[in-house]
Amino acid sequence: MADDPHNTMMERKPYRPSNGSEGEAFMCTWCAKCERDRAHREDWSVDGCPIIVATMALVIDDPDYPKEWVYGATGYPICTAFTVSPDHPEPLDHNAVVRPLL
């Protein structure tokens, strides 16, 4: 069963990295290749993706914690707001990237 970040038909468990290393690996997999954060990657004075900021500022059970960072159908964390950025057009193999972290 492949993970489809845009499948909103299933209920998903929220995801929050357990430490900085796990968070960095997740963001390298998702955020660094996402259109939503591209402007910030190109110019650090520009605000980045608000999902990233909120996941760092809020606890996972806060009602405002982003709903986009969740565990996917295969059990690995995904971002349902992910949109492929033109500066990283290659497809993402989510399982190959996240599996070694677990």
PDB file of N, CA and C in Angstrom:
ATOM      1  N   MET A   1       0.843  -1.168   0.000  1.00  0.00           N
ATOM      2  CA  MET A   1       0.000   0.000   0.000  1.00  0.00           C
ATOM      3  C   MET A   1       0.898   1.245   0.000  1.00  0.00           C
ATOM      4  N   ALA A   2       0.810   2.055  -1.011  1.00  0.00           N
ATOM      5  CA  ALA A   2       1.634   3.250  -1.122  1.00  0.00           C
ATOM      6  C   ALA A   2       0.988   4.408  -0.374  1.00  0.00           C
ATOM      7  N   ASP A   3       1.826   5.291   0.138  1.00  0.00           N
ATOM      8  CA  ASP A   3       1.320   6.488   0.800  1.00  0.00           C
ATOM      9  C   ASP A   3       0.987   7.545  -0.228  1.00  0.00           C
ATOM     10  N   ASP A   4      -0.196   8.075  -0.127  1.00  0.00           N
ATOM     11  CA  ASP A   4      -0.618   9.193  -0.953  1.00  0.00           C
ATOM     12  C   ASP A   4      -0.868  10.351  -0.004  1.00  0.00           C
ATOM     13  N   PRO A   5       0.044  11.349   0.038  1.00  0.00           N
ATOM     14  CA  PRO A   5      -0.118  12.445   0.978  1.00  0.00           C
ATOM     15  C   PRO A   5      -1.422  13.208   0.809  1.00  0.00           C
ATOM     16  N   HIS A   6      -2.034  13.095  -0.345  1.00  0.00           N
ATOM     17  CA  HIS A   6      -3.244  13.857  -0.622  1.00  0.00           C
ATOM     18  C   HIS A   6      -4.523  13.066  -0.377  1.00  0.00           C
ATOM     19  N   ASN A   7      -4.399  11.835   0.106  1.00  0.00           N
ATOM     20  CA  ASN A   7      -5.572  11.028   0.421  1.00  0.00           C
ATOM     21  C   ASN A   7      -6.142  11.498   1.753  1.00  0.00           C
ATOM     22  N   THR A   8      -7.258  12.175   1.698  1.00  0.00           N
ATOM     23  CA  THR A   8      -7.871  12.714   2.914  1.00  0.00           C
ATOM     24  C   THR A   8      -9.001  11.825   3.415  1.00  0.00           C
ATOM     25  N   MET A   9      -9.190  10.674   2.809  1.00  0.00           N
ATOM     26  CA  MET A   9     -10.295   9.791   3.171  1.00  0.00           C
ATOM     27  C   MET A   9     -10.015   8.992   4.442  1.00  0.00           C
ATOM     28  N   MET A  10      -8.756   8.877   4.837  1.00  0.00           N
ATOM     29  CA  MET A  10      -8.451   8.073   6.009  1.00  0.00           C
ATOM     30  C   MET A  10      -8.050   8.970   7.182  1.00  0.00           C
ATOM     31  N   GLU A  11      -8.395   8.537   8.389  1.00  0.00           N
ATOM     32  CA  GLU A  11      -7.976   9.260   9.579  1.00  0.00           C
ATOM     33  C   GLU A  11      -6.523   8.914   9.841  1.00  0.00           C
ATOM     34  N   ARG A  12      -5.750   9.915  10.184  1.00  0.00           N
ATOM     35  CA  ARG A  12      -4.322   9.684  10.380  1.00  0.00           C
ATOM     36  C   ARG A  12      -3.867  10.166  11.752  1.00  0.00           C
ATOM     37  N   LYS A  13      -2.909   9.453  12.303  1.00  0.00           N
ATOM     38  CA  LYS A  13      -2.338   9.810  13.594  1.00  0.00           C
ATOM     39  C   LYS A  13      -1.343  10.959  13.397  1.00  0.00           C
ATOM     40  N   PRO A  14      -1.421  12.008  14.218  1.00  0.00           N
ATOM     41  CA  PRO A  14      -0.486  13.134  14.082  1.00  0.00           C
ATOM     42  C   PRO A  14       0.958  12.678  14.279  1.00  0.00           C
ATOM     43  N   TYR A  15       1.870  13.368  13.602  1.00  0.00           N
ATOM     44  CA  TYR A  15       3.300  13.052  13.703  1.00  0.00           C
ATOM     45  C   TYR A  15       4.046  14.269  14.230  1.00  0.00           C
ATOM     46  N   ARG A  16       4.932  14.010  15.163  1.00  0.00           N
ATOM     47  CA  ARG A  16       5.871  15.031  15.631  1.00  0.00           C
ATOM     48  C   ARG A  16       7.197  14.329  15.840  1.00  0.00           C
ATOM     49  N   PRO A  17       8.272  14.865  15.247  1.00  0.00           N
ATOM     50  CA  PRO A  17       9.582  14.221  15.436  1.00  0.00           C
ATOM     51  C   PRO A  17       9.932  14.118  16.921  1.00  0.00           C
ATOM     52  N   SER A  18      10.579  13.017  17.289  1.00  0.00           N
ATOM     53  CA  SER A  18      10.914  12.798  18.697  1.00  0.00           C
ATOM     54  C   SER A  18      12.172  13.538  19.123  1.00  0.00           C
ATOM     55  N   ASN A  19      12.970  13.994  18.150  1.00  0.00           N
ATOM     56  CA  ASN A  19      14.186  14.734  18.477  1.00  0.00           C
ATOM     57  C   ASN A  19      14.621  15.560  17.259  1.00  0.00           C
ATOM     58  N   GLY A  20      15.626  16.372  17.423  1.00  0.00           N
ATOM     59  CA  GLY A  20      16.091  17.247  16.354  1.00  0.00           C
ATOM     60  C   GLY A  20      16.605  16.512  15.130  1.00  0.00           C
ATOM     61  N   SER A  21      17.285  15.398  15.335  1.00  0.00           N
ATOM     62  CA  SER A  21      17.816  14.637  14.200  1.00  0.00           C
ATOM     63  C   SER A  21      16.693  14.052  13.350  1.00  0.00           C
ATOM     64  N   GLU A  22      15.691  13.505  14.023  1.00  0.00           N
ATOM     65  CA  GLU A  22      14.545  12.958  13.294  1.00  0.00           C
ATOM     66  C   GLU A  22      13.800  14.081  12.560  1.00  0.00           C
ATOM     67  N   GLY A  23      13.663  15.236  13.221  1.00  0.00           N
ATOM     68  CA  GLY A  23      12.998  16.373  12.598  1.00  0.00           C
ATOM     69  C   GLY A  23      13.753  16.868  11.380  1.00  0.00           C
ATOM     70  N   GLU A  24      15.070  16.934  11.474  1.00  0.00           N
ATOM     71  CA  GLU A  24      15.892  17.373  10.343  1.00  0.00           C
ATOM     72  C   GLU A  24      15.769  16.398   9.175  1.00  0.00           C
ATOM     73  N   ALA A  25      15.773  15.106   9.464  1.00  0.00           N
ATOM     74  CA  ALA A  25      15.629  14.107   8.402  1.00  0.00           C
ATOM     75  C   ALA A  25      14.255  14.232   7.729  1.00  0.00           C
ATOM     76  N   PHE A  26      13.206  14.430   8.529  1.00  0.00           N
ATOM     77  CA  PHE A  26      11.865  14.596   7.974  1.00  0.00           C
ATOM     78  C   PHE A  26      11.814  15.832   7.081  1.00  0.00           C
ATOM     79  N   MET A  27      12.347  16.949   7.576  1.00  0.00           N
ATOM     80  CA  MET A  27      12.301  18.187   6.801  1.00  0.00           C
ATOM     81  C   MET A  27      13.165  18.112   5.543  1.00  0.00           C
ATOM     82  N   CYS A  28      14.263  17.374   5.590  1.00  0.00           N
ATOM     83  CA  CYS A  28      15.080  17.185   4.378  1.00  0.00           C
ATOM     84  C   CYS A  28      14.319  16.365   3.339  1.00  0.00           C
ATOM     85  N   THR A  29      13.516  15.433   3.813  1.00  0.00           N
ATOM     86  CA  THR A  29      12.730  14.590   2.921  1.00  0.00           C
ATOM     87  C   THR A  29      11.560  15.341   2.321  1.00  0.00           C
ATOM     88  N   TRP A  30      10.864  16.105   3.129  1.00  0.00           N
ATOM     89  CA  TRP A  30       9.624  16.758   2.704  1.00  0.00           C
ATOM     90  C   TRP A  30       9.800  18.240   2.437  1.00  0.00           C
ATOM     91  N   CYS A  31      10.136  18.997   3.454  1.00  0.00           N
ATOM     92  CA  CYS A  31      10.144  20.465   3.358  1.00  0.00           C
ATOM     93  C   CYS A  31      11.164  20.988   2.353  1.00  0.00           C
ATOM     94  N   ALA A  32      12.316  20.348   2.301  1.00  0.00           N
ATOM     95  CA  ALA A  32      13.372  20.808   1.393  1.00  0.00           C
ATOM     96  C   ALA A  32      13.026  20.578  -0.073  1.00  0.00           C
ATOM     97  N   LYS A  33      11.972  19.814  -0.329  1.00  0.00           N
ATOM     98  CA  LYS A  33      11.562  19.522  -1.706  1.00  0.00           C
ATOM     99  C   LYS A  33      10.152  20.029  -1.993  1.00  0.00           C
ATOM    100  N   CYS A  34       9.622  20.837  -1.089  1.00  0.00           N
ATOM    101  CA  CYS A  34       8.237  21.280  -1.210  1.00  0.00           C
ATOM    102  C   CYS A  34       8.147  22.724  -1.706  1.00  0.00           C
ATOM    103  N   GLU A  35       7.202  22.951  -2.575  1.00  0.00           N
ATOM    104  CA  GLU A  35       6.971  24.291  -3.121  1.00  0.00           C
ATOM    105  C   GLU A  35       6.608  25.286  -2.016  1.00  0.00           C
ATOM    106  N   ARG A  36       5.928  24.829  -0.977  1.00  0.00           N
ATOM    107  CA  ARG A  36       5.476  25.736   0.091  1.00  0.00           C
ATOM    108  C   ARG A  36       6.622  26.420   0.823  1.00  0.00           C
ATOM    109  N   ASP A  37       7.813  25.834   0.818  1.00  0.00           N
ATOM    110  CA  ASP A  37       8.945  26.423   1.526  1.00  0.00           C
ATOM    111  C   ASP A  37      10.034  26.924   0.581  1.00  0.00           C
ATOM    112  N   ARG A  38       9.780  26.888  -0.722  1.00  0.00           N
ATOM    113  CA  ARG A  38      10.809  27.264  -1.704  1.00  0.00           C
ATOM    114  C   ARG A  38      11.258  28.712  -1.551  1.00  0.00           C
ATOM    115  N   ALA A  39      10.342  29.641  -1.358  1.00  0.00           N
ATOM    116  CA  ALA A  39      10.721  31.053  -1.238  1.00  0.00           C
ATOM    117  C   ALA A  39      11.711  31.265  -0.089  1.00  0.00           C
ATOM    118  N   HIS A  40      11.500  30.557   1.010  1.00  0.00           N
ATOM    119  CA  HIS A  40      12.401  30.666   2.159  1.00  0.00           C
ATOM    120  C   HIS A  40      13.767  30.048   1.846  1.00  0.00           C
ATOM    121  N   ARG A  41      13.784  28.961   1.105  1.00  0.00           N
ATOM    122  CA  ARG A  41      15.062  28.345   0.715  1.00  0.00           C
ATOM    123  C   ARG A  41      15.867  29.287  -0.159  1.00  0.00           C
ATOM    124  N   GLU A  42      15.175  30.049  -0.992  1.00  0.00           N
ATOM    125  CA  GLU A  42      15.854  30.957  -1.913  1.00  0.00           C
ATOM    126  C   GLU A  42      16.251  32.273  -1.252  1.00  0.00           C
ATOM    127  N   ASP A  43      15.535  32.683  -0.214  1.00  0.00           N
ATOM    128  CA  ASP A  43      15.805  33.944   0.475  1.00  0.00           C
ATOM    129  C   ASP A  43      15.378  33.794   1.926  1.00  0.00           C
ATOM    130  N   TRP A  44      16.344  33.660   2.813  1.00  0.00           N
ATOM    131  CA  TRP A  44      16.049  33.395   4.218  1.00  0.00           C
ATOM    132  C   TRP A  44      15.293  34.524   4.902  1.00  0.00           C
ATOM    133  N   SER A  45      15.236  35.703   4.294  1.00  0.00           N
ATOM    134  CA  SER A  45      14.492  36.802   4.908  1.00  0.00           C
ATOM    135  C   SER A  45      12.981  36.664   4.668  1.00  0.00           C
ATOM    136  N   VAL A  46      12.608  35.745   3.782  1.00  0.00           N
ATOM    137  CA  VAL A  46      11.197  35.488   3.479  1.00  0.00           C
ATOM    138  C   VAL A  46      10.681  34.418   4.436  1.00  0.00           C
ATOM    139  N   ASP A  47       9.467  34.620   4.939  1.00  0.00           N
ATOM    140  CA  ASP A  47       8.876  33.619   5.825  1.00  0.00           C
ATOM    141  C   ASP A  47       8.757  32.279   5.105  1.00  0.00           C
ATOM    142  N   GLY A  48       8.995  31.220   5.852  1.00  0.00           N
ATOM    143  CA  GLY A  48       8.873  29.876   5.302  1.00  0.00           C
ATOM    144  C   GLY A  48       7.487  29.304   5.513  1.00  0.00           C
ATOM    145  N   CYS A  49       7.396  28.027   5.356  1.00  0.00           N
ATOM    146  CA  CYS A  49       6.127  27.319   5.500  1.00  0.00           C
ATOM    147  C   CYS A  49       5.621  27.431   6.939  1.00  0.00           C
ATOM    148  N   PRO A  50       4.394  27.889   7.129  1.00  0.00           N
ATOM    149  CA  PRO A  50       3.863  28.026   8.488  1.00  0.00           C
ATOM    150  C   PRO A  50       3.661  26.690   9.204  1.00  0.00           C
ATOM    151  N   ILE A  51       3.594  25.612   8.447  1.00  0.00           N
ATOM    152  CA  ILE A  51       3.453  24.283   9.065  1.00  0.00           C
ATOM    153  C   ILE A  51       4.702  23.951   9.873  1.00  0.00           C
ATOM    154  N   ILE A  52       5.871  24.254   9.319  1.00  0.00           N
ATOM    155  CA  ILE A  52       7.139  23.983  10.012  1.00  0.00           C
ATOM    156  C   ILE A  52       7.186  24.746  11.328  1.00  0.00           C
ATOM    157  N   VAL A  53       6.875  26.020  11.275  1.00  0.00           N
ATOM    158  CA  VAL A  53       6.911  26.864  12.475  1.00  0.00           C
ATOM    159  C   VAL A  53       5.950  26.324  13.529  1.00  0.00           C
ATOM    160  N   ALA A  54       4.744  25.994  13.134  1.00  0.00           N
ATOM    161  CA  ALA A  54       3.735  25.529  14.089  1.00  0.00           C
ATOM    162  C   ALA A  54       4.126  24.204  14.729  1.00  0.00           C
ATOM    163  N   THR A  55       4.747  23.300  13.978  1.00  0.00           N
ATOM    164  CA  THR A  55       5.126  22.018  14.565  1.00  0.00           C
ATOM    165  C   THR A  55       6.225  22.173  15.598  1.00  0.00           C
ATOM    166  N   MET A  56       7.020  23.224  15.469  1.00  0.00           N
ATOM    167  CA  MET A  56       8.080  23.469  16.453  1.00  0.00           C
ATOM    168  C   MET A  56       7.568  24.247  17.660  1.00  0.00           C
ATOM    169  N   ALA A  57       6.526  25.026  17.455  1.00  0.00           N
ATOM    170  CA  ALA A  57       6.031  25.896  18.526  1.00  0.00           C
ATOM    171  C   ALA A  57       4.941  25.254  19.386  1.00  0.00           C
ATOM    172  N   LEU A  58       4.267  24.254  18.857  1.00  0.00           N
ATOM    173  CA  LEU A  58       3.116  23.681  19.550  1.00  0.00           C
ATOM    174  C   LEU A  58       3.357  22.234  19.943  1.00  0.00           C
ATOM    175  N   VAL A  59       2.705  21.801  21.004  1.00  0.00           N
ATOM    176  CA  VAL A  59       2.752  20.391  21.376  1.00  0.00           C
ATOM    177  C   VAL A  59       1.760  19.638  20.493  1.00  0.00           C
ATOM    178  N   ILE A  60       1.980  18.370  20.327  1.00  0.00           N
ATOM    179  CA  ILE A  60       1.201  17.579  19.365  1.00  0.00           C
ATOM    180  C   ILE A  60      -0.288  17.508  19.700  1.00  0.00           C
ATOM    181  N   ASP A  61      -0.651  17.628  20.967  1.00  0.00           N
ATOM    182  CA  ASP A  61      -2.070  17.559  21.308  1.00  0.00           C
ATOM    183  C   ASP A  61      -2.748  18.935  21.356  1.00  0.00           C
ATOM    184  N   ASP A  62      -2.022  19.981  20.965  1.00  0.00           N
ATOM    185  CA  ASP A  62      -2.620  21.318  20.872  1.00  0.00           C
ATOM    186  C   ASP A  62      -3.614  21.316  19.707  1.00  0.00           C
ATOM    187  N   PRO A  63      -4.791  21.885  19.876  1.00  0.00           N
ATOM    188  CA  PRO A  63      -5.789  21.895  18.797  1.00  0.00           C
ATOM    189  C   PRO A  63      -5.298  22.597  17.524  1.00  0.00           C
ATOM    190  N   ASP A  64      -4.292  23.482  17.663  1.00  0.00           N
ATOM    191  CA  ASP A  64      -3.759  24.193  16.503  1.00  0.00           C
ATOM    192  C   ASP A  64      -2.544  23.510  15.883  1.00  0.00           C
ATOM    193  N   TYR A  65      -2.113  22.378  16.467  1.00  0.00           N
ATOM    194  CA  TYR A  65      -0.976  21.648  15.874  1.00  0.00           C
ATOM    195  C   TYR A  65      -1.363  21.267  14.447  1.00  0.00           C
ATOM    196  N   PRO A  66      -0.454  21.468  13.485  1.00  0.00           N
ATOM    197  CA  PRO A  66      -0.783  21.191  12.080  1.00  0.00           C
ATOM    198  C   PRO A  66      -1.296  19.771  11.842  1.00  0.00           C
ATOM    199  N   LYS A  67      -2.364  19.684  11.103  1.00  0.00           N
ATOM    200  CA  LYS A  67      -2.975  18.395  10.751  1.00  0.00           C
ATOM    201  C   LYS A  67      -2.231  17.731   9.588  1.00  0.00           C
ATOM    202  N   GLU A  68      -1.300  18.454   8.978  1.00  0.00           N
ATOM    203  CA  GLU A  68      -0.619  17.958   7.774  1.00  0.00           C
ATOM    204  C   GLU A  68       0.504  16.971   8.062  1.00  0.00           C
ATOM    205  N   TRP A  69       1.113  17.034   9.242  1.00  0.00           N
ATOM    206  CA  TRP A  69       2.180  16.092   9.574  1.00  0.00           C
ATOM    207  C   TRP A  69       1.540  14.898  10.276  1.00  0.00           C
ATOM    208  N   VAL A  70       1.484  13.776   9.568  1.00  0.00           N
ATOM    209  CA  VAL A  70       0.802  12.582  10.066  1.00  0.00           C
ATOM    210  C   VAL A  70       1.573  11.327   9.676  1.00  0.00           C
ATOM    211  N   TYR A  71       1.193  10.212  10.277  1.00  0.00           N
ATOM    212  CA  TYR A  71       1.702   8.916   9.852  1.00  0.00           C
ATOM    213  C   TYR A  71       0.851   8.465   8.673  1.00  0.00           C
ATOM    214  N   GLY A  72       1.511   8.038   7.605  1.00  0.00           N
ATOM    215  CA  GLY A  72       0.799   7.595   6.413  1.00  0.00           C
ATOM    216  C   GLY A  72       0.329   6.157   6.528  1.00  0.00           C
ATOM    217  N   ALA A  73      -0.252   5.667   5.456  1.00  0.00           N
ATOM    218  CA  ALA A  73      -0.819   4.318   5.414  1.00  0.00           C
ATOM    219  C   ALA A  73       0.224   3.233   5.679  1.00  0.00           C
ATOM    220  N   THR A  74       1.477   3.500   5.336  1.00  0.00           N
ATOM    221  CA  THR A  74       2.531   2.509   5.555  1.00  0.00           C
ATOM    222  C   THR A  74       3.176   2.623   6.921  1.00  0.00           C
ATOM    223  N   GLY A  75       2.714   3.600   7.731  1.00  0.00           N
ATOM    224  CA  GLY A  75       3.248   3.764   9.074  1.00  0.00           C
ATOM    225  C   GLY A  75       4.387   4.750   9.189  1.00  0.00           C
ATOM    226  N   TYR A  76       4.795   5.346   8.089  1.00  0.00           N
ATOM    227  CA  TYR A  76       5.879   6.316   8.099  1.00  0.00           C
ATOM    228  C   TYR A  76       5.319   7.730   8.032  1.00  0.00           C
ATOM    229  N   PRO A  77       6.028   8.695   8.628  1.00  0.00           N
ATOM    230  CA  PRO A  77       5.513  10.058   8.635  1.00  0.00           C
ATOM    231  C   PRO A  77       5.527  10.692   7.245  1.00  0.00           C
ATOM    232  N   ILE A  78       4.482  11.481   6.977  1.00  0.00           N
ATOM    233  CA  ILE A  78       4.353  12.191   5.708  1.00  0.00           C
ATOM    234  C   ILE A  78       3.790  13.582   5.985  1.00  0.00           C
ATOM    235  N   CYS A  79       3.839  14.446   4.981  1.00  0.00           N
ATOM    236  CA  CYS A  79       3.194  15.751   5.054  1.00  0.00           C
ATOM    237  C   CYS A  79       2.127  15.782   3.959  1.00  0.00           C
ATOM    238  N   THR A  80       0.883  15.921   4.369  1.00  0.00           N
ATOM    239  CA  THR A  80      -0.214  15.901   3.401  1.00  0.00           C
ATOM    240  C   THR A  80      -0.302  17.195   2.601  1.00  0.00           C
ATOM    241  N   ALA A  81       0.427  18.228   3.007  1.00  0.00           N
ATOM    242  CA  ALA A  81       0.434  19.493   2.268  1.00  0.00           C
ATOM    243  C   ALA A  81       1.550  19.543   1.233  1.00  0.00           C
ATOM    244  N   PHE A  82       2.347  18.481   1.144  1.00  0.00           N
ATOM    245  CA  PHE A  82       3.495  18.456   0.226  1.00  0.00           C
ATOM    246  C   PHE A  82       3.079  18.710  -1.217  1.00  0.00           C
ATOM    247  N   THR A  83       3.807  19.624  -1.841  1.00  0.00           N
ATOM    248  CA  THR A  83       3.634  19.928  -3.260  1.00  0.00           C
ATOM    249  C   THR A  83       5.025  19.950  -3.875  1.00  0.00           C
ATOM    250  N   VAL A  84       5.252  19.174  -4.921  1.00  0.00           N
ATOM    251  CA  VAL A  84       6.570  19.092  -5.547  1.00  0.00           C
ATOM    252  C   VAL A  84       7.025  20.472  -6.006  1.00  0.00           C
ATOM    253  N   SER A  85       8.239  20.816  -5.633  1.00  0.00           N
ATOM    254  CA  SER A  85       8.824  22.094  -6.021  1.00  0.00           C
ATOM    255  C   SER A  85       9.562  21.940  -7.348  1.00  0.00           C
ATOM    256  N   PRO A  86       9.462  22.946  -8.223  1.00  0.00           N
ATOM    257  CA  PRO A  86      10.162  22.859  -9.509  1.00  0.00           C
ATOM    258  C   PRO A  86      11.678  22.741  -9.363  1.00  0.00           C
ATOM    259  N   ASP A  87      12.221  23.220  -8.240  1.00  0.00           N
ATOM    260  CA  ASP A  87      13.669  23.109  -8.071  1.00  0.00           C
ATOM    261  C   ASP A  87      14.095  21.727  -7.568  1.00  0.00           C
ATOM    262  N   HIS A  88      13.120  20.856  -7.285  1.00  0.00           N
ATOM    263  CA  HIS A  88      13.383  19.461  -6.909  1.00  0.00           C
ATOM    264  C   HIS A  88      12.331  18.566  -7.560  1.00  0.00           C
ATOM    265  N   PRO A  89      12.370  18.429  -8.870  1.00  0.00           N
ATOM    266  CA  PRO A  89      11.298  17.711  -9.568  1.00  0.00           C
ATOM    267  C   PRO A  89      11.316  16.195  -9.432  1.00  0.00           C
ATOM    268  N   GLU A  90      12.390  15.633  -8.895  1.00  0.00           N
ATOM    269  CA  GLU A  90      12.446  14.175  -8.821  1.00  0.00           C
ATOM    270  C   GLU A  90      11.396  13.648  -7.855  1.00  0.00           C
ATOM    271  N   PRO A  91      10.847  12.490  -8.154  1.00  0.00           N
ATOM    272  CA  PRO A  91       9.833  11.921  -7.257  1.00  0.00           C
ATOM    273  C   PRO A  91      10.460  11.511  -5.930  1.00  0.00           C
ATOM    274  N   LEU A  92       9.659  11.508  -4.916  1.00  0.00           N
ATOM    275  CA  LEU A  92      10.084  11.174  -3.569  1.00  0.00           C
ATOM    276  C   LEU A  92       9.753   9.724  -3.269  1.00  0.00           C
ATOM    277  N   ASP A  93      10.721   8.960  -2.828  1.00  0.00           N
ATOM    278  CA  ASP A  93      10.457   7.609  -2.350  1.00  0.00           C
ATOM    279  C   ASP A  93      10.419   7.693  -0.830  1.00  0.00           C
ATOM    280  N   HIS A  94       9.235   7.946  -0.292  1.00  0.00           N
ATOM    281  CA  HIS A  94       9.071   8.203   1.130  1.00  0.00           C
ATOM    282  C   HIS A  94       9.591   7.069   1.999  1.00  0.00           C
ATOM    283  N   ASN A  95       9.286   5.864   1.651  1.00  0.00           N
ATOM    284  CA  ASN A  95       9.683   4.718   2.467  1.00  0.00           C
ATOM    285  C   ASN A  95      11.187   4.526   2.484  1.00  0.00           C
ATOM    286  N   ALA A  96      11.847   4.726   1.372  1.00  0.00           N
ATOM    287  CA  ALA A  96      13.289   4.538   1.317  1.00  0.00           C
ATOM    288  C   ALA A  96      14.023   5.567   2.173  1.00  0.00           C
ATOM    289  N   VAL A  97      13.450   6.745   2.292  1.00  0.00           N
ATOM    290  CA  VAL A  97      14.096   7.795   3.057  1.00  0.00           C
ATOM    291  C   VAL A  97      13.822   7.658   4.549  1.00  0.00           C
ATOM    292  N   VAL A  98      12.610   7.338   4.915  1.00  0.00           N
ATOM    293  CA  VAL A  98      12.229   7.327   6.329  1.00  0.00           C
ATOM    294  C   VAL A  98      12.546   6.006   7.014  1.00  0.00           C
ATOM    295  N   ARG A  99      12.450   4.895   6.326  1.00  0.00           N
ATOM    296  CA  ARG A  99      12.657   3.565   6.938  1.00  0.00           C
ATOM    297  C   ARG A  99      13.955   3.480   7.750  1.00  0.00           C
ATOM    298  N   PRO A 100      15.100   3.989   7.247  1.00  0.00           N
ATOM    299  CA  PRO A 100      16.330   3.867   8.043  1.00  0.00           C
ATOM    300  C   PRO A 100      16.296   4.615   9.370  1.00  0.00           C
ATOM    301  N   LEU A 101      15.382   5.571   9.503  1.00  0.00           N
ATOM    302  CA  LEU A 101      15.302   6.335  10.744  1.00  0.00           C
ATOM    303  C   LEU A 101      14.609   5.578  11.860  1.00  0.00           C
ATOM    304  N   LEU A 102      13.841   4.572  11.487  1.00  0.00           N
ATOM    305  CA  LEU A 102      13.034   3.884  12.494  1.00  0.00           C
ATOM    306  C   LEU A 102      13.676   2.651  13.045  1.00  0.00           C
TER     307      LEU A 102
END
